[in-house]
Amino acid sequence: MICPRCKTVLTRKTIRDFDISVDVDYCTGCGGSWFDKGELEQLEKTIEPTFLEIRRIPDRKDQMEPLICPSCENHQILQKAEHPRDRKVIFDYCPTCKGIWLDSGELEAIQEENWILTIGKFFKWLLNIG
């Protein structure tokens, strides 16, 4: 597979989070990752509370650049969507094969959450508010 961002050949990389292990296609050039259908959902469940969240994601202009699906042979253009957990992350997904492209730093931005938000969600859950 070829990277949709920088056209480097993707290599296999294992991402481990707690008891989850997922093999993804990784770009050594730009640091992006291709998740086949269902792979990202396994990692999205992991939330890492952090005192200070520092995002290292591409700027919006770069995130909005059109990309071609590295998995589909019909050169399908990837669709864009804001991630529900972090609206600054614009991920790319293929409507045909359901794969997802995340640029460098986007997985970490999705998984990290400010301690204050985490504590607030915990209290809402405890009090059964929302």
N, C-alpha and C. Protein backbone atom coordinates (compact mmCIF):
# COMPACT_ATOMS: atom_id res chain seq x y z
N MET A 1 0.84 -1.18 0.00
CA MET A 1 0.00 0.00 0.00
C MET A 1 0.89 1.24 0.00
N ILE A 2 0.36 2.28 -0.60
CA ILE A 2 1.08 3.56 -0.69
C ILE A 2 0.38 4.60 0.19
N CYS A 3 1.16 5.42 0.89
CA CYS A 3 0.63 6.47 1.75
C CYS A 3 -0.17 7.47 0.92
N PRO A 4 -1.41 7.77 1.35
CA PRO A 4 -2.20 8.74 0.61
C PRO A 4 -1.70 10.17 0.79
N ARG A 5 -0.90 10.41 1.81
CA ARG A 5 -0.40 11.76 2.10
C ARG A 5 0.92 12.05 1.38
N CYS A 6 1.93 11.18 1.54
CA CYS A 6 3.26 11.50 1.00
C CYS A 6 3.77 10.48 -0.02
N LYS A 7 2.96 9.47 -0.34
CA LYS A 7 3.26 8.46 -1.36
C LYS A 7 4.41 7.52 -1.01
N THR A 8 4.73 7.38 0.27
CA THR A 8 5.72 6.43 0.75
C THR A 8 5.05 5.06 0.88
N VAL A 9 5.80 3.98 0.71
CA VAL A 9 5.25 2.64 0.90
C VAL A 9 4.97 2.44 2.39
N LEU A 10 3.75 1.99 2.70
CA LEU A 10 3.35 1.77 4.09
C LEU A 10 3.94 0.46 4.61
N THR A 11 4.30 0.44 5.89
CA THR A 11 4.82 -0.76 6.54
C THR A 11 3.86 -1.15 7.66
N ARG A 12 3.92 -2.40 8.09
CA ARG A 12 3.06 -2.88 9.18
C ARG A 12 3.66 -2.47 10.52
N LYS A 13 2.78 -2.01 11.41
CA LYS A 13 3.20 -1.58 12.74
C LYS A 13 2.15 -2.08 13.73
N THR A 14 2.58 -2.60 14.86
CA THR A 14 1.65 -3.05 15.89
C THR A 14 1.50 -1.95 16.92
N ILE A 15 0.25 -1.57 17.17
CA ILE A 15 -0.06 -0.59 18.21
C ILE A 15 -0.64 -1.36 19.37
N ARG A 16 -0.04 -1.17 20.55
CA ARG A 16 -0.51 -1.86 21.76
C ARG A 16 -1.00 -0.83 22.76
N ASP A 17 -2.20 -1.03 23.26
CA ASP A 17 -2.79 -0.22 24.32
C ASP A 17 -3.41 -1.15 25.33
N PHE A 18 -2.85 -1.20 26.52
CA PHE A 18 -3.34 -2.08 27.57
C PHE A 18 -3.44 -3.51 27.04
N ASP A 19 -4.63 -4.07 26.94
CA ASP A 19 -4.77 -5.45 26.48
C ASP A 19 -5.15 -5.55 25.01
N ILE A 20 -5.07 -4.43 24.28
CA ILE A 20 -5.45 -4.39 22.86
C ILE A 20 -4.18 -4.34 22.01
N SER A 21 -4.17 -5.09 20.94
CA SER A 21 -3.07 -5.09 20.00
C SER A 21 -3.65 -5.05 18.58
N VAL A 22 -3.27 -4.02 17.81
CA VAL A 22 -3.80 -3.86 16.46
C VAL A 22 -2.64 -3.64 15.49
N ASP A 23 -2.63 -4.40 14.40
CA ASP A 23 -1.64 -4.20 13.34
C ASP A 23 -2.22 -3.23 12.32
N VAL A 24 -1.50 -2.13 12.09
CA VAL A 24 -1.95 -1.11 11.14
C VAL A 24 -0.87 -0.90 10.08
N ASP A 25 -1.25 -0.23 9.00
CA ASP A 25 -0.29 0.16 7.96
C ASP A 25 0.19 1.56 8.32
N TYR A 26 1.51 1.69 8.47
CA TYR A 26 2.12 2.92 8.99
C TYR A 26 3.06 3.53 7.97
N CYS A 27 3.07 4.87 7.90
CA CYS A 27 3.96 5.58 6.98
C CYS A 27 5.17 6.11 7.74
N THR A 28 6.34 5.63 7.35
CA THR A 28 7.58 6.10 7.98
C THR A 28 7.95 7.50 7.49
N GLY A 29 7.32 7.95 6.41
CA GLY A 29 7.61 9.28 5.87
C GLY A 29 6.92 10.39 6.64
N CYS A 30 5.58 10.30 6.75
CA CYS A 30 4.81 11.38 7.38
C CYS A 30 4.24 11.00 8.75
N GLY A 31 4.32 9.71 9.11
CA GLY A 31 3.84 9.28 10.42
C GLY A 31 2.35 8.97 10.49
N GLY A 32 1.67 8.97 9.36
CA GLY A 32 0.24 8.65 9.34
C GLY A 32 0.01 7.15 9.41
N SER A 33 -1.25 6.77 9.66
CA SER A 33 -1.59 5.35 9.78
C SER A 33 -2.90 5.05 9.08
N TRP A 34 -2.95 3.87 8.43
CA TRP A 34 -4.16 3.38 7.79
C TRP A 34 -4.75 2.26 8.65
N PHE A 35 -6.00 2.44 9.03
CA PHE A 35 -6.73 1.46 9.83
C PHE A 35 -7.77 0.79 8.95
N ASP A 36 -7.67 -0.53 8.80
CA ASP A 36 -8.71 -1.26 8.08
C ASP A 36 -9.99 -1.22 8.91
N LYS A 37 -11.09 -1.56 8.28
CA LYS A 37 -12.40 -1.53 8.93
C LYS A 37 -12.36 -2.20 10.31
N GLY A 38 -12.80 -1.47 11.33
CA GLY A 38 -12.91 -2.00 12.68
C GLY A 38 -11.67 -1.86 13.55
N GLU A 39 -10.51 -1.60 12.96
CA GLU A 39 -9.28 -1.52 13.76
C GLU A 39 -9.24 -0.29 14.66
N LEU A 40 -9.62 0.86 14.14
CA LEU A 40 -9.55 2.08 14.94
C LEU A 40 -10.52 2.03 16.12
N GLU A 41 -11.69 1.44 15.94
CA GLU A 41 -12.69 1.38 17.01
C GLU A 41 -12.12 0.70 18.24
N GLN A 42 -11.25 -0.27 18.05
CA GLN A 42 -10.64 -0.96 19.19
C GLN A 42 -9.77 -0.01 20.01
N LEU A 43 -9.06 0.90 19.33
CA LEU A 43 -8.14 1.81 20.02
C LEU A 43 -8.84 3.06 20.54
N GLU A 44 -9.96 3.45 19.94
CA GLU A 44 -10.67 4.65 20.36
C GLU A 44 -11.25 4.53 21.77
N LYS A 45 -11.45 3.31 22.23
CA LYS A 45 -12.02 3.09 23.55
C LYS A 45 -11.05 3.47 24.66
N THR A 46 -9.76 3.55 24.32
CA THR A 46 -8.74 3.90 25.30
C THR A 46 -8.69 5.42 25.47
N ILE A 47 -8.87 5.88 26.70
CA ILE A 47 -8.76 7.30 27.01
C ILE A 47 -7.60 7.46 27.98
N GLU A 48 -6.69 8.36 27.65
CA GLU A 48 -5.55 8.61 28.50
C GLU A 48 -5.68 10.00 29.11
N PRO A 49 -6.12 10.07 30.38
CA PRO A 49 -6.22 11.39 31.02
C PRO A 49 -4.85 12.05 31.11
N THR A 50 -4.80 13.33 30.82
CA THR A 50 -3.55 14.07 30.85
C THR A 50 -3.81 15.43 31.49
N PHE A 51 -2.83 15.93 32.21
CA PHE A 51 -2.98 17.23 32.87
C PHE A 51 -3.04 18.35 31.84
N LEU A 52 -2.16 18.30 30.87
CA LEU A 52 -2.10 19.32 29.83
C LEU A 52 -2.08 18.63 28.48
N GLU A 53 -3.11 18.84 27.69
CA GLU A 53 -3.19 18.20 26.38
C GLU A 53 -2.52 19.09 25.33
N ILE A 54 -1.50 18.55 24.71
CA ILE A 54 -0.79 19.26 23.64
C ILE A 54 -0.98 18.46 22.37
N ARG A 55 -1.72 19.03 21.43
CA ARG A 55 -1.98 18.34 20.16
C ARG A 55 -0.84 18.61 19.19
N ARG A 56 -0.41 17.55 18.55
CA ARG A 56 0.59 17.67 17.49
C ARG A 56 -0.03 17.09 16.23
N ILE A 57 -0.99 17.82 15.68
CA ILE A 57 -1.69 17.37 14.48
C ILE A 57 -1.47 18.39 13.38
N PRO A 58 -1.64 17.97 12.13
CA PRO A 58 -1.48 18.92 11.02
C PRO A 58 -2.50 20.05 11.13
N ASP A 59 -2.17 21.19 10.51
CA ASP A 59 -3.13 22.30 10.53
C ASP A 59 -4.33 21.96 9.66
N ARG A 60 -5.39 22.72 9.82
CA ARG A 60 -6.66 22.42 9.14
C ARG A 60 -6.51 22.37 7.62
N LYS A 61 -5.70 23.25 7.07
CA LYS A 61 -5.50 23.27 5.61
C LYS A 61 -4.94 21.94 5.13
N ASP A 62 -3.93 21.41 5.83
CA ASP A 62 -3.35 20.11 5.44
C ASP A 62 -4.35 18.98 5.65
N GLN A 63 -5.14 19.05 6.74
CA GLN A 63 -6.11 18.00 7.01
C GLN A 63 -7.21 17.97 5.94
N MET A 64 -7.51 19.10 5.32
CA MET A 64 -8.58 19.16 4.33
C MET A 64 -8.14 18.80 2.92
N GLU A 65 -6.85 18.55 2.74
CA GLU A 65 -6.33 18.16 1.42
C GLU A 65 -6.96 16.83 0.99
N PRO A 66 -7.43 16.72 -0.26
CA PRO A 66 -8.04 15.46 -0.72
C PRO A 66 -7.01 14.33 -0.79
N LEU A 67 -7.43 13.14 -0.36
CA LEU A 67 -6.56 11.97 -0.37
C LEU A 67 -7.27 10.82 -1.07
N ILE A 68 -6.48 9.91 -1.63
CA ILE A 68 -6.99 8.72 -2.31
C ILE A 68 -6.83 7.52 -1.39
N CYS A 69 -7.83 6.66 -1.36
CA CYS A 69 -7.80 5.45 -0.53
C CYS A 69 -6.62 4.57 -0.92
N PRO A 70 -5.77 4.22 0.05
CA PRO A 70 -4.63 3.35 -0.28
C PRO A 70 -5.02 1.88 -0.43
N SER A 71 -6.23 1.53 -0.02
CA SER A 71 -6.65 0.14 -0.03
C SER A 71 -7.48 -0.23 -1.27
N CYS A 72 -8.32 0.68 -1.73
CA CYS A 72 -9.21 0.41 -2.87
C CYS A 72 -8.47 0.59 -4.20
N GLU A 73 -8.70 -0.31 -5.09
CA GLU A 73 -8.05 -0.23 -6.41
C GLU A 73 -8.72 0.75 -7.35
N ASN A 74 -9.92 1.23 -7.00
CA ASN A 74 -10.63 2.15 -7.89
C ASN A 74 -10.29 3.61 -7.64
N HIS A 75 -9.25 3.87 -6.84
CA HIS A 75 -8.78 5.24 -6.54
C HIS A 75 -9.87 6.09 -5.91
N GLN A 76 -10.58 5.50 -4.97
CA GLN A 76 -11.66 6.16 -4.24
C GLN A 76 -11.11 7.36 -3.46
N ILE A 77 -11.78 8.52 -3.59
CA ILE A 77 -11.40 9.69 -2.81
C ILE A 77 -11.95 9.53 -1.40
N LEU A 78 -11.08 9.76 -0.41
CA LEU A 78 -11.48 9.63 0.99
C LEU A 78 -12.37 10.80 1.39
N GLN A 79 -13.35 10.51 2.22
CA GLN A 79 -14.26 11.53 2.75
C GLN A 79 -13.65 12.09 4.04
N LYS A 80 -14.08 13.27 4.43
CA LYS A 80 -13.58 13.94 5.65
C LYS A 80 -14.66 13.98 6.71
N ALA A 81 -14.25 13.87 7.97
CA ALA A 81 -15.19 14.00 9.08
C ALA A 81 -14.44 14.46 10.32
N GLU A 82 -15.12 15.23 11.16
CA GLU A 82 -14.55 15.62 12.45
C GLU A 82 -14.74 14.45 13.41
N HIS A 83 -13.75 14.18 14.22
CA HIS A 83 -13.87 13.10 15.19
C HIS A 83 -14.74 13.59 16.36
N PRO A 84 -15.70 12.79 16.79
CA PRO A 84 -16.62 13.25 17.85
C PRO A 84 -15.94 13.52 19.20
N ARG A 85 -14.83 12.88 19.49
CA ARG A 85 -14.15 13.12 20.76
C ARG A 85 -13.27 14.36 20.71
N ASP A 86 -12.73 14.69 19.52
CA ASP A 86 -11.84 15.84 19.37
C ASP A 86 -12.11 16.46 18.00
N ARG A 87 -12.86 17.54 17.99
CA ARG A 87 -13.29 18.16 16.72
C ARG A 87 -12.16 18.80 15.92
N LYS A 88 -10.98 18.94 16.52
CA LYS A 88 -9.84 19.46 15.76
C LYS A 88 -9.20 18.37 14.90
N VAL A 89 -9.57 17.13 15.15
CA VAL A 89 -9.07 16.01 14.35
C VAL A 89 -10.05 15.78 13.20
N ILE A 90 -9.56 16.01 11.99
CA ILE A 90 -10.32 15.73 10.77
C ILE A 90 -9.74 14.44 10.20
N PHE A 91 -10.51 13.35 10.31
CA PHE A 91 -10.00 12.08 9.80
C PHE A 91 -10.57 11.82 8.42
N ASP A 92 -9.91 10.94 7.70
CA ASP A 92 -10.30 10.58 6.34
C ASP A 92 -10.79 9.14 6.36
N TYR A 93 -11.92 8.89 5.71
CA TYR A 93 -12.46 7.53 5.67
C TYR A 93 -12.92 7.19 4.26
N CYS A 94 -12.87 5.91 3.98
CA CYS A 94 -13.28 5.43 2.66
C CYS A 94 -14.71 4.91 2.74
N PRO A 95 -15.62 5.46 1.94
CA PRO A 95 -17.00 4.98 1.96
C PRO A 95 -17.14 3.57 1.36
N THR A 96 -16.14 3.12 0.63
CA THR A 96 -16.20 1.79 0.01
C THR A 96 -15.69 0.69 0.95
N CYS A 97 -14.43 0.79 1.39
CA CYS A 97 -13.85 -0.28 2.21
C CYS A 97 -13.96 -0.02 3.71
N LYS A 98 -14.39 1.19 4.08
CA LYS A 98 -14.58 1.60 5.49
C LYS A 98 -13.28 1.75 6.26
N GLY A 99 -12.15 1.86 5.55
CA GLY A 99 -10.86 2.12 6.21
C GLY A 99 -10.77 3.58 6.63
N ILE A 100 -9.84 3.86 7.54
CA ILE A 100 -9.68 5.22 8.07
C ILE A 100 -8.20 5.60 8.05
N TRP A 101 -7.92 6.82 7.58
CA TRP A 101 -6.58 7.37 7.59
C TRP A 101 -6.49 8.41 8.70
N LEU A 102 -5.48 8.27 9.57
CA LEU A 102 -5.18 9.28 10.58
C LEU A 102 -3.79 9.81 10.32
N ASP A 103 -3.68 11.13 10.29
CA ASP A 103 -2.38 11.77 10.13
C ASP A 103 -1.61 11.64 11.44
N SER A 104 -0.32 11.93 11.38
CA SER A 104 0.54 11.86 12.54
C SER A 104 -0.05 12.70 13.69
N GLY A 105 -0.11 12.12 14.87
CA GLY A 105 -0.59 12.83 16.06
C GLY A 105 -2.09 12.76 16.28
N GLU A 106 -2.87 12.35 15.28
CA GLU A 106 -4.32 12.35 15.44
C GLU A 106 -4.81 11.25 16.37
N LEU A 107 -4.20 10.07 16.34
CA LEU A 107 -4.62 9.00 17.26
C LEU A 107 -4.39 9.45 18.70
N GLU A 108 -3.24 10.04 18.97
CA GLU A 108 -2.94 10.51 20.32
C GLU A 108 -3.93 11.59 20.75
N ALA A 109 -4.29 12.49 19.83
CA ALA A 109 -5.25 13.55 20.15
C ALA A 109 -6.62 12.97 20.48
N ILE A 110 -7.00 11.91 19.79
CA ILE A 110 -8.29 11.26 20.06
C ILE A 110 -8.27 10.57 21.42
N GLN A 111 -7.14 9.96 21.76
CA GLN A 111 -7.07 9.19 22.99
C GLN A 111 -6.82 10.03 24.23
N GLU A 112 -6.17 11.17 24.09
CA GLU A 112 -5.87 12.00 25.26
C GLU A 112 -7.08 12.85 25.63
N GLU A 113 -7.27 13.02 26.92
CA GLU A 113 -8.37 13.85 27.40
C GLU A 113 -7.90 14.59 28.64
N ASN A 114 -8.23 15.85 28.71
CA ASN A 114 -7.87 16.68 29.85
C ASN A 114 -8.45 16.09 31.13
N TRP A 115 -7.67 16.09 32.21
CA TRP A 115 -8.12 15.53 33.50
C TRP A 115 -9.45 16.12 33.95
N ILE A 116 -9.65 17.41 33.74
CA ILE A 116 -10.89 18.07 34.18
C ILE A 116 -12.10 17.46 33.47
N LEU A 117 -11.99 17.22 32.16
CA LEU A 117 -13.09 16.59 31.43
C LEU A 117 -13.33 15.17 31.92
N THR A 118 -12.25 14.45 32.17
CA THR A 118 -12.38 13.08 32.66
C THR A 118 -13.09 13.04 34.01
N ILE A 119 -12.68 13.91 34.92
CA ILE A 119 -13.31 13.95 36.24
C ILE A 119 -14.77 14.36 36.12
N GLY A 120 -15.08 15.35 35.27
CA GLY A 120 -16.47 15.76 35.04
C GLY A 120 -17.33 14.62 34.52
N LYS A 121 -16.81 13.86 33.56
CA LYS A 121 -17.56 12.71 33.02
C LYS A 121 -17.77 11.65 34.09
N PHE A 122 -16.75 11.46 34.93
CA PHE A 122 -16.86 10.47 36.00
C PHE A 122 -17.97 10.86 36.98
N PHE A 123 -18.01 12.14 37.38
CA PHE A 123 -19.06 12.59 38.32
C PHE A 123 -20.45 12.51 37.68
N LYS A 124 -20.55 12.84 36.40
CA LYS A 124 -21.84 12.70 35.71
C LYS A 124 -22.30 11.25 35.72
N TRP A 125 -21.34 10.35 35.48
CA TRP A 125 -21.66 8.93 35.48
C TRP A 125 -22.07 8.48 36.89
N LEU A 126 -21.33 8.95 37.92
CA LEU A 126 -21.64 8.58 39.30
C LEU A 126 -23.04 9.06 39.70
N LEU A 127 -23.37 10.28 39.29
CA LEU A 127 -24.66 10.86 39.66
C LEU A 127 -25.77 10.48 38.68
N ASN A 128 -25.36 9.73 37.63
CA ASN A 128 -26.32 9.27 36.61
C ASN A 128 -27.04 10.45 35.93
N ILE A 129 -26.23 11.50 35.60
CA ILE A 129 -26.79 12.72 34.99
C ILE A 129 -26.77 12.66 33.49
N GLY A 130 -26.04 12.14 32.83
CA GLY A 130 -26.07 12.35 31.41
C GLY A 130 -25.52 11.34 30.58
